[in-house]
Protein backbone atom coordinates (compact mmCIF):
# COMPACT_ATOMS: atom_id res chain seq x y z
CA ALA A 1 112.95 96.30 76.41
CA PHE A 2 109.82 98.21 75.77
CA CYS A 3 110.78 101.11 73.31
CA SER A 4 113.94 101.71 74.85
CA SER A 5 115.88 102.94 71.93
CA VAL A 6 113.91 105.79 72.25
CA LEU A 7 113.70 106.37 76.24
CA VAL A 8 117.34 105.61 77.24
CA LEU A 9 120.77 106.92 75.63
CA GLU A 10 122.60 104.23 74.36
CA SER A 11 126.32 105.95 75.21
CA ARG A 12 126.60 108.55 77.96
CA ASN A 13 128.67 111.54 77.15
CA ILE A 14 129.22 112.66 80.80
CA ASP A 15 132.69 114.19 81.14
CA VAL A 16 133.61 114.14 84.73
CA GLU A 17 136.78 114.54 86.14
CA GLY A 18 137.33 111.96 88.45
CA ASN A 19 134.67 109.74 86.94
CA THR A 20 135.89 106.42 88.12
CA MET A 21 133.58 106.22 90.77
CA ILE A 22 130.53 106.02 88.46
CA ASP A 23 132.43 103.74 86.34
CA ASN A 24 132.58 101.20 89.16
CA LEU A 25 129.40 101.44 90.02
CA SER A 26 127.42 101.05 86.53
CA ARG A 27 129.88 98.22 85.60
CA GLU A 28 128.79 99.66 82.32
CA SER A 29 125.52 98.95 82.79
CA LEU A 30 124.02 101.97 84.35
CA LYS A 31 121.56 103.71 82.32
CA PHE A 32 120.72 107.27 81.16
CA LEU A 33 117.36 108.56 80.43
CA GLN A 34 116.87 110.66 77.35
CA PRO A 35 115.84 114.29 78.37
CA CYS A 36 111.80 113.70 76.67
CA THR A 37 111.80 110.22 79.22
CA VAL A 38 112.96 112.64 82.06
CA HIS A 39 110.61 115.47 81.40
CA MET A 40 107.48 113.17 81.12
CA VAL A 41 107.94 111.72 84.37
CA LEU A 42 109.08 114.80 85.68
CA MET A 43 105.76 116.49 84.49
CA THR A 44 103.52 113.54 85.31
CA THR A 45 105.52 113.96 88.88
CA LEU A 46 104.44 117.65 89.67
CA VAL A 47 100.69 117.12 88.37
CA VAL A 48 100.28 114.62 90.90
CA GLU A 49 101.87 116.84 93.46
CA LYS A 50 100.08 119.78 92.70
CA LEU A 51 96.30 117.81 93.22
CA THR A 52 97.31 116.45 95.99
CA LYS A 53 98.29 119.50 97.62
CA GLY A 54 96.03 122.44 98.77
CA GLU A 55 92.60 122.85 97.11
CA ASN A 56 92.73 120.53 94.87
CA ALA A 57 93.16 117.86 97.42
CA LYS A 58 90.12 117.17 98.29
CA ALA A 59 88.00 116.90 94.71
CA PHE A 60 91.13 114.75 93.93
CA LEU A 61 90.91 112.45 96.49
CA ALA A 62 87.40 112.30 96.07
CA SER A 63 87.70 111.47 92.44
CA ASN A 64 86.84 107.84 91.34
CA ASN A 65 89.65 107.90 88.49
CA GLN A 66 92.64 109.53 89.68
CA ARG A 67 95.02 108.30 87.61
CA GLY A 68 92.35 109.58 84.38
CA ILE A 69 92.49 112.94 86.15
CA VAL A 70 96.49 112.93 86.16
CA SER A 71 96.69 111.47 82.48
CA SER A 72 94.70 113.75 80.75
CA ILE A 73 96.27 117.03 82.19
CA THR A 74 99.91 115.59 82.07
CA THR A 75 99.08 115.02 78.54
CA SER A 76 97.91 118.01 77.87
CA LEU A 77 100.76 119.71 79.51
CA LEU A 78 103.12 117.86 77.14
CA GLY A 79 101.52 118.46 73.87
CA ASP A 80 103.08 116.84 71.40
CA LEU A 81 106.66 115.45 71.77
CA GLU A 82 108.14 114.31 68.82
CA LEU A 83 109.46 110.59 69.44
CA GLU A 84 110.52 108.53 67.07
CA THR A 85 108.68 104.85 66.38
CA CYS A 86 110.50 102.67 68.13
CA GLU A 87 112.13 99.16 66.51
CA ASN A 88 108.63 97.42 68.15
CA GLY A 89 106.39 99.93 65.79
CA HIS A 90 105.19 102.12 68.97
CA THR A 91 104.36 105.38 68.11
CA SER A 92 105.01 108.71 69.61
CA GLU A 93 101.61 108.73 71.33
CA THR A 94 101.97 105.15 72.69
CA ILE A 95 104.95 105.69 74.17
CA VAL A 96 104.46 108.70 76.02
CA ARG A 97 101.21 107.17 77.35
CA HIS A 98 102.76 103.85 78.81
CA VAL A 99 105.70 106.36 80.43
CA GLU A 100 102.90 108.41 81.46
CA CYS A 101 100.87 105.35 83.12
CA VAL A 102 103.96 104.00 84.98
CA ALA A 103 105.59 107.54 86.01
CA THR A 104 101.79 108.20 87.02
CA ASN A 105 101.28 104.95 89.04
CA VAL A 106 104.03 105.39 90.87
CA ALA A 107 103.68 109.08 91.83
CA LEU A 108 100.38 107.87 93.36
CA ASN A 109 101.60 105.01 95.04
CA ASN A 110 104.26 106.79 97.05
CA PHE A 111 101.75 109.58 97.55
CA CYS A 112 99.69 107.11 99.06
CA ARG A 113 102.65 105.98 101.11
CA LEU A 114 103.50 109.19 102.53
CA ARG A 115 99.85 109.73 103.38
CA ASN A 116 99.46 106.19 105.28
CA ASP A 117 103.12 107.10 107.19
CA THR A 118 101.23 110.14 108.53
CA ILE A 119 98.26 108.60 109.19
CA GLN A 120 100.47 105.78 110.96
CA SER A 121 102.38 108.17 113.20
CA THR A 122 99.59 110.47 114.18
CA ALA A 123 97.80 107.56 115.48
CA GLN A 124 100.93 106.23 117.32
CA LYS A 125 101.61 109.50 119.01
CA ARG A 126 97.92 109.87 120.12
CA GLN A 127 98.08 106.11 121.86
CA LEU A 128 101.60 106.71 123.49
CA THR A 129 99.71 110.23 124.78
CA GLU A 130 96.64 108.18 126.10
CA LYS A 131 98.95 105.44 127.41
CA SER A 132 100.48 108.10 129.27
CA LYS A 133 97.83 109.61 131.27
CA PRO A 134 96.84 108.37 134.75
């Protein structure tokens, strides 16, 4: 597992009354992310949302290196995260870069799917209205 000791909590300390449902569902294998991991993914998601909406969207979508743009903005916003070097010898910068890359890919993929779904539903509505005209 790539750097799991740095990115995932070893044990969860959730004190929820009646947490038997969580225990039954997870079968003790549910992973809980470190707060820094959640922060990196959330920051990347917010950057993608800001770049794909409003006045930024047209320039961002026309660019050739969208992943690079998201990565550079997210890196500057995150600053220096103090992460331990993992058992594989990966430094803090390497871990952040990998998490950021995966989060960027997921966020951009989700954006493309939503955009394609919107385009397809609009086209289907147009086809239905054209067919219903005499």
